[in-house]
Amino acid sequence: MSKRTLLQLCRRPATCASLVVVALVVLVAIFGRVLAPCDPYLIDQSAVNQGSSALHWLGTDELGRDLLSRLLTGIRPTVLVSLGATLFAAFFGTALGVTGGYGPAPLAFFVMRGVDILLCFPPILLALLAVGFWPSGIGSLAIVIGIVYVPHFARVSQSAVVRVVQQEYVQAELAMGATWPRVVGVTVLPNVLSPLVVQATLTVAEAILLESGLSFLGLGIVPPEPSWGQMIGAAQDYLSQHPMYLFWPSLCLALTVLSINLVGDGLRDLLDPRLSKS
């Protein structure tokens, strides 16, 4: 993201506030363990499902663990999974999209039909089907979620590549005898980065939701490592006894996803010439 684009985003109040929230989430993901006031893994049977207090500002969970500490610590695995999944999906999805938009016609046809088939299935269903075949862990979860979103990047990049290869400067490169790796790497890819950046931003938010959903079902981050989805799943059994236990991780998750989506919408408006002119 260039300095000019960042300044333009900051001129929009909603997007600027969202950038602040995203920056705070990143900082907490990096320094959460240092900022945590208590040990997030420490079990205290004498302080089970307590409300806010001087010692536990947001209360405790069903095992007496400090909620604030677990919230600050639980964002790190979620961020690692979402960023890893986005990078995985962006790399392989863009490669498939370039093949579908610029490769030989028979290969492009089969690649994009395969992408279309995968796009017919809901992401959570594909993740549930895939997660059972992989060992537990942040790396495995990132790969599984990344595979789910590869078709999204493939479709976006293929559409952008098809438009770019029809431009005169690309045809001029080909007329001068440029090889296809040079055309793709030097001419095509730099001109399709804008929609890919927007797609990456939106995919991070979707990956966070998908990871939280899998953790909610007990198929994501492995306990005792905390994650927001896992905390929401555990809190549903204690809703009548301790409603704030469910409220805090739900609020953090909703604000994070909303902020990332608003940043993605702002980037889309700035990077899409048709939207910026309207």
Protein backbone atom coordinates (compact mmCIF):
# COMPACT_ATOMS: atom_id res chain seq x y z
CA MET A 1 0.00 0.00 0.00
CA SER A 2 1.54 3.29 -1.12
CA LYS A 3 1.73 6.39 1.08
CA ARG A 4 -0.67 8.23 -1.22
CA THR A 5 -3.27 5.44 -1.00
CA LEU A 6 -2.94 5.37 2.78
CA LEU A 7 -3.50 9.12 3.00
CA GLN A 8 -6.58 8.85 0.78
CA LEU A 9 -7.97 6.09 2.97
CA CYS A 10 -7.40 8.20 6.09
CA ARG A 11 -9.57 10.98 4.64
CA ARG A 12 -12.62 8.73 5.01
CA PRO A 13 -13.77 8.62 8.66
CA ALA A 14 -15.10 5.06 8.62
CA THR A 15 -12.09 3.70 6.76
CA CYS A 16 -9.69 5.64 8.97
CA ALA A 17 -11.30 4.23 12.11
CA SER A 18 -11.14 0.76 10.57
CA LEU A 19 -7.43 1.18 9.85
CA VAL A 20 -6.86 2.07 13.49
CA VAL A 21 -8.73 -1.06 14.62
CA VAL A 22 -6.78 -3.26 12.18
CA ALA A 23 -3.49 -1.73 13.36
CA LEU A 24 -4.45 -2.42 16.99
CA VAL A 25 -5.33 -6.02 16.13
CA VAL A 26 -1.94 -6.50 14.47
CA LEU A 27 -0.14 -4.99 17.46
CA VAL A 28 -2.09 -7.18 19.88
CA ALA A 29 -1.31 -10.24 17.75
CA ILE A 30 2.40 -9.40 18.03
CA PHE A 31 2.56 -8.25 21.65
CA GLY A 32 -0.54 -9.93 23.12
CA ARG A 33 1.38 -12.26 25.41
CA VAL A 34 3.33 -9.31 26.81
CA LEU A 35 0.20 -7.20 27.30
CA ALA A 36 -1.80 -9.98 28.97
CA PRO A 37 -2.24 -9.09 32.69
CA CYS A 38 -2.46 -12.75 33.74
CA ASP A 39 -1.35 -16.14 32.55
CA PRO A 40 -3.99 -17.09 29.92
CA TYR A 41 -3.49 -20.80 30.69
CA LEU A 42 -3.66 -20.56 34.49
CA ILE A 43 -6.64 -22.50 35.87
CA ASP A 44 -8.26 -21.19 39.06
CA GLN A 45 -11.17 -23.31 40.25
CA SER A 46 -12.01 -20.73 42.90
CA ALA A 47 -12.77 -18.06 40.25
CA VAL A 48 -14.97 -19.93 37.78
CA ASN A 49 -17.28 -17.83 35.56
CA GLN A 50 -16.79 -14.66 37.54
CA GLY A 51 -17.76 -11.20 36.32
CA SER A 52 -15.53 -8.16 36.06
CA SER A 53 -13.29 -7.48 39.03
CA ALA A 54 -10.12 -5.63 39.93
CA LEU A 55 -8.09 -8.77 39.25
CA HIS A 56 -10.01 -9.95 36.18
CA TRP A 57 -11.21 -6.89 34.26
CA LEU A 58 -13.43 -8.84 31.86
CA GLY A 59 -14.14 -11.77 34.15
CA THR A 60 -13.11 -15.42 33.91
CA ASP A 61 -14.14 -18.49 31.92
CA GLU A 62 -15.43 -21.91 32.96
CA LEU A 63 -11.98 -22.89 34.26
CA GLY A 64 -11.26 -19.63 36.05
CA ARG A 65 -8.87 -18.35 33.37
CA ASP A 66 -8.65 -14.60 32.78
CA LEU A 67 -10.80 -13.59 29.78
CA LEU A 68 -8.84 -10.45 28.93
CA SER A 69 -5.58 -12.38 28.82
CA ARG A 70 -7.13 -15.06 26.62
CA LEU A 71 -8.61 -12.46 24.29
CA LEU A 72 -5.23 -10.75 23.91
CA THR A 73 -3.49 -14.07 23.33
CA GLY A 74 -6.19 -15.67 21.18
CA ILE A 75 -5.91 -13.28 18.27
CA ARG A 76 -2.37 -14.40 17.34
CA PRO A 77 -3.23 -17.88 15.98
CA THR A 78 -6.24 -16.46 14.16
CA VAL A 79 -4.12 -13.77 12.47
CA LEU A 80 -1.39 -16.28 11.59
CA VAL A 81 -3.90 -18.67 10.05
CA SER A 82 -5.72 -15.95 8.09
CA LEU A 83 -2.54 -14.36 6.74
CA GLY A 84 -1.00 -17.73 5.90
CA ALA A 85 -4.18 -18.86 4.16
CA THR A 86 -4.40 -15.61 2.19
CA LEU A 87 -0.79 -15.84 1.00
CA PHE A 88 -1.28 -19.48 0.01
CA ALA A 89 -4.51 -18.73 -1.84
CA ALA A 90 -3.07 -15.64 -3.53
CA PHE A 91 0.00 -17.48 -4.85
CA PHE A 92 -1.69 -20.58 -6.20
CA GLY A 93 -4.94 -18.85 -7.16
CA THR A 94 -3.10 -16.20 -9.18
CA ALA A 95 -1.05 -18.91 -10.91
CA LEU A 96 -4.26 -20.72 -11.89
CA GLY A 97 -5.88 -17.44 -12.95
CA VAL A 98 -2.94 -16.51 -15.19
CA THR A 99 -3.08 -19.99 -16.72
CA GLY A 100 -6.81 -19.63 -17.29
CA GLY A 101 -6.48 -16.17 -18.82
CA TYR A 102 -3.27 -16.49 -20.82
CA GLY A 103 -2.49 -20.19 -21.12
CA PRO A 104 -3.30 -22.60 -23.96
CA ALA A 105 -7.02 -22.80 -24.64
CA PRO A 106 -7.57 -26.48 -23.66
CA LEU A 107 -5.59 -26.11 -20.42
CA ALA A 108 -7.31 -22.82 -19.59
CA PHE A 109 -10.71 -24.42 -20.15
CA PHE A 110 -10.08 -27.33 -17.77
CA VAL A 111 -8.48 -25.10 -15.13
CA MET A 112 -11.34 -22.64 -15.01
CA ARG A 113 -14.02 -25.35 -15.09
CA GLY A 114 -12.35 -26.91 -12.07
CA VAL A 115 -12.35 -23.50 -10.38
CA ASP A 116 -16.05 -23.07 -11.17
CA ILE A 117 -16.85 -26.46 -9.62
CA LEU A 118 -15.02 -25.55 -6.39
CA LEU A 119 -16.82 -22.21 -6.26
CA CYS A 120 -20.16 -24.05 -6.15
CA PHE A 121 -19.43 -25.35 -2.64
CA PRO A 122 -19.71 -23.18 0.49
CA PRO A 123 -16.25 -22.48 2.00
CA ILE A 124 -17.22 -23.93 5.39
CA LEU A 125 -18.25 -27.22 3.72
CA LEU A 126 -14.97 -27.52 1.83
CA ALA A 127 -13.04 -26.71 4.99
CA LEU A 128 -14.93 -29.34 6.98
CA LEU A 129 -14.24 -31.93 4.28
CA ALA A 130 -10.54 -31.06 4.13
CA VAL A 131 -9.73 -30.47 7.79
CA GLY A 132 -10.32 -34.12 8.68
CA PHE A 133 -7.44 -35.24 6.45
CA TRP A 134 -4.85 -32.88 7.96
CA PRO A 135 -3.11 -32.98 11.34
CA SER A 136 -4.08 -30.27 13.82
CA GLY A 137 -2.04 -27.09 13.96
CA ILE A 138 -1.81 -23.52 12.71
CA GLY A 139 0.14 -24.48 9.58
CA SER A 140 -2.27 -27.22 8.55
CA LEU A 141 -5.27 -24.99 9.20
CA ALA A 142 -3.75 -22.20 7.10
CA ILE A 143 -3.20 -24.59 4.18
CA VAL A 144 -6.73 -25.98 4.40
CA ILE A 145 -8.33 -22.53 4.46
CA GLY A 146 -5.93 -21.37 1.75
CA ILE A 147 -7.06 -24.20 -0.52
CA VAL A 148 -10.66 -23.16 0.04
CA TYR A 149 -9.97 -19.61 -1.21
CA VAL A 150 -7.69 -20.51 -4.14
CA PRO A 151 -10.68 -20.50 -6.56
CA HIS A 152 -11.63 -16.96 -5.50
CA PHE A 153 -8.20 -15.60 -6.42
CA ALA A 154 -8.18 -17.69 -9.59
CA ARG A 155 -11.44 -16.20 -10.80
CA VAL A 156 -10.46 -12.61 -9.95
CA SER A 157 -6.99 -12.90 -11.53
CA GLN A 158 -8.32 -14.68 -14.63
CA SER A 159 -10.84 -11.90 -15.30
CA ALA A 160 -8.15 -9.24 -14.83
CA VAL A 161 -5.63 -11.08 -17.03
CA VAL A 162 -8.16 -11.48 -19.85
CA ARG A 163 -8.68 -7.70 -19.89
CA VAL A 164 -4.98 -6.88 -19.71
CA VAL A 165 -3.76 -9.23 -22.46
CA GLN A 166 -6.06 -7.48 -24.91
CA GLN A 167 -4.35 -4.13 -24.37
CA GLU A 168 -2.06 -2.67 -27.03
CA TYR A 169 1.05 -2.60 -24.87
CA VAL A 170 0.79 -6.34 -24.30
CA GLN A 171 0.34 -6.99 -27.98
CA ALA A 172 3.35 -4.77 -28.66
CA GLU A 173 5.45 -6.86 -26.26
CA LEU A 174 4.41 -10.01 -28.10
CA ALA A 175 5.09 -8.45 -31.51
CA MET A 176 8.64 -7.64 -30.41
CA GLY A 177 9.22 -11.30 -29.59
CA ALA A 178 8.95 -11.19 -25.81
CA THR A 179 8.69 -14.60 -24.15
CA TRP A 180 5.59 -15.52 -22.16
CA PRO A 181 7.39 -15.44 -18.76
CA ARG A 182 8.47 -11.87 -19.47
CA VAL A 183 5.01 -10.85 -20.66
CA VAL A 184 3.38 -12.35 -17.58
CA GLY A 185 5.94 -11.22 -15.02
CA VAL A 186 6.74 -7.74 -16.34
CA THR A 187 3.60 -6.65 -18.17
CA VAL A 188 0.57 -8.63 -17.04
CA LEU A 189 0.98 -9.21 -13.28
CA PRO A 190 1.84 -5.59 -12.32
CA ASN A 191 -1.36 -4.47 -14.07
CA VAL A 192 -3.64 -6.93 -12.25
CA LEU A 193 -2.37 -6.25 -8.73
CA SER A 194 -5.16 -3.82 -7.80
CA PRO A 195 -8.04 -6.35 -7.80
CA LEU A 196 -5.75 -8.92 -6.18
CA VAL A 197 -4.92 -6.55 -3.32
CA VAL A 198 -8.61 -5.93 -2.70
CA GLN A 199 -9.34 -9.66 -2.89
CA ALA A 200 -6.53 -10.36 -0.42
CA THR A 201 -7.98 -7.87 2.06
CA LEU A 202 -11.42 -9.43 1.85
CA THR A 203 -9.98 -12.94 2.05
CA VAL A 204 -8.23 -12.13 5.33
CA ALA A 205 -11.62 -11.23 6.85
CA GLU A 206 -13.28 -14.33 5.41
CA ALA A 207 -10.43 -16.54 6.61
CA ILE A 208 -10.78 -15.14 10.13
CA LEU A 209 -14.48 -15.99 10.10
CA LEU A 210 -13.82 -19.46 8.69
CA GLU A 211 -11.09 -20.20 11.24
CA SER A 212 -13.39 -18.98 14.01
CA GLY A 213 -16.17 -21.20 12.71
CA LEU A 214 -13.92 -24.25 12.65
CA SER A 215 -12.62 -23.45 16.14
CA PHE A 216 -16.23 -22.98 17.29
CA LEU A 217 -16.92 -26.53 16.09
CA GLY A 218 -13.77 -27.83 17.77
CA LEU A 219 -11.91 -28.42 14.47
CA GLY A 220 -9.64 -25.38 14.49
CA ILE A 221 -7.07 -24.18 17.01
CA VAL A 222 -6.28 -26.96 19.47
CA PRO A 223 -6.82 -26.23 23.20
CA PRO A 224 -5.39 -25.02 25.49
CA GLU A 225 -4.20 -22.50 22.86
CA PRO A 226 -6.98 -19.88 22.90
CA SER A 227 -8.78 -18.44 19.90
CA TRP A 228 -11.84 -16.24 19.68
CA GLY A 229 -13.95 -18.83 17.85
CA GLN A 230 -13.01 -21.47 20.39
CA MET A 231 -13.96 -19.12 23.25
CA ILE A 232 -17.35 -18.41 21.66
CA GLY A 233 -17.97 -22.13 21.30
CA ALA A 234 -17.16 -22.76 24.96
CA ALA A 235 -19.16 -19.73 26.15
CA GLN A 236 -22.46 -20.89 24.63
CA ASP A 237 -22.85 -23.49 27.38
CA TYR A 238 -22.62 -20.78 30.06
CA LEU A 239 -24.74 -18.08 28.45
CA SER A 240 -27.27 -17.93 31.28
CA GLN A 241 -24.60 -17.96 34.01
CA HIS A 242 -22.04 -15.63 32.44
CA PRO A 243 -23.35 -13.79 29.33
CA MET A 244 -20.29 -11.50 29.12
CA TYR A 245 -18.16 -14.58 28.49
CA LEU A 246 -19.86 -14.83 25.09
CA PHE A 247 -20.12 -11.09 24.54
CA TRP A 248 -16.43 -10.13 24.64
CA PRO A 249 -14.98 -12.58 22.06
CA SER A 250 -18.01 -12.04 19.83
CA LEU A 251 -17.52 -8.26 19.96
CA CYS A 252 -13.80 -8.54 19.21
CA LEU A 253 -14.42 -10.87 16.28
CA ALA A 254 -17.20 -8.72 14.82
CA LEU A 255 -15.19 -5.48 15.10
CA THR A 256 -12.12 -7.06 13.52
CA VAL A 257 -13.97 -8.54 10.55
CA LEU A 258 -16.03 -5.37 10.03
CA SER A 259 -12.91 -3.19 10.10
CA ILE A 260 -11.04 -5.36 7.60
CA ASN A 261 -14.05 -5.37 5.28
CA LEU A 262 -14.34 -1.57 5.46
CA VAL A 263 -10.64 -1.23 4.63
CA GLY A 264 -11.17 -3.59 1.71
CA ASP A 265 -14.14 -1.53 0.49
CA GLY A 266 -12.05 1.63 0.73
CA LEU A 267 -9.21 0.06 -1.24
CA ARG A 268 -11.65 -1.14 -3.88
CA ASP A 269 -13.11 2.34 -4.29
CA LEU A 270 -9.64 3.87 -4.63
CA LEU A 271 -8.06 1.27 -6.89
CA ASP A 272 -11.01 0.74 -9.26
CA PRO A 273 -11.05 3.65 -11.75
CA ARG A 274 -14.72 3.10 -12.57
CA LEU A 275 -15.73 3.51 -8.92
CA SER A 276 -13.43 6.48 -8.31
CA LYS A 277 -15.01 8.37 -11.20
CA SER A 278 -18.57 7.72 -10.10
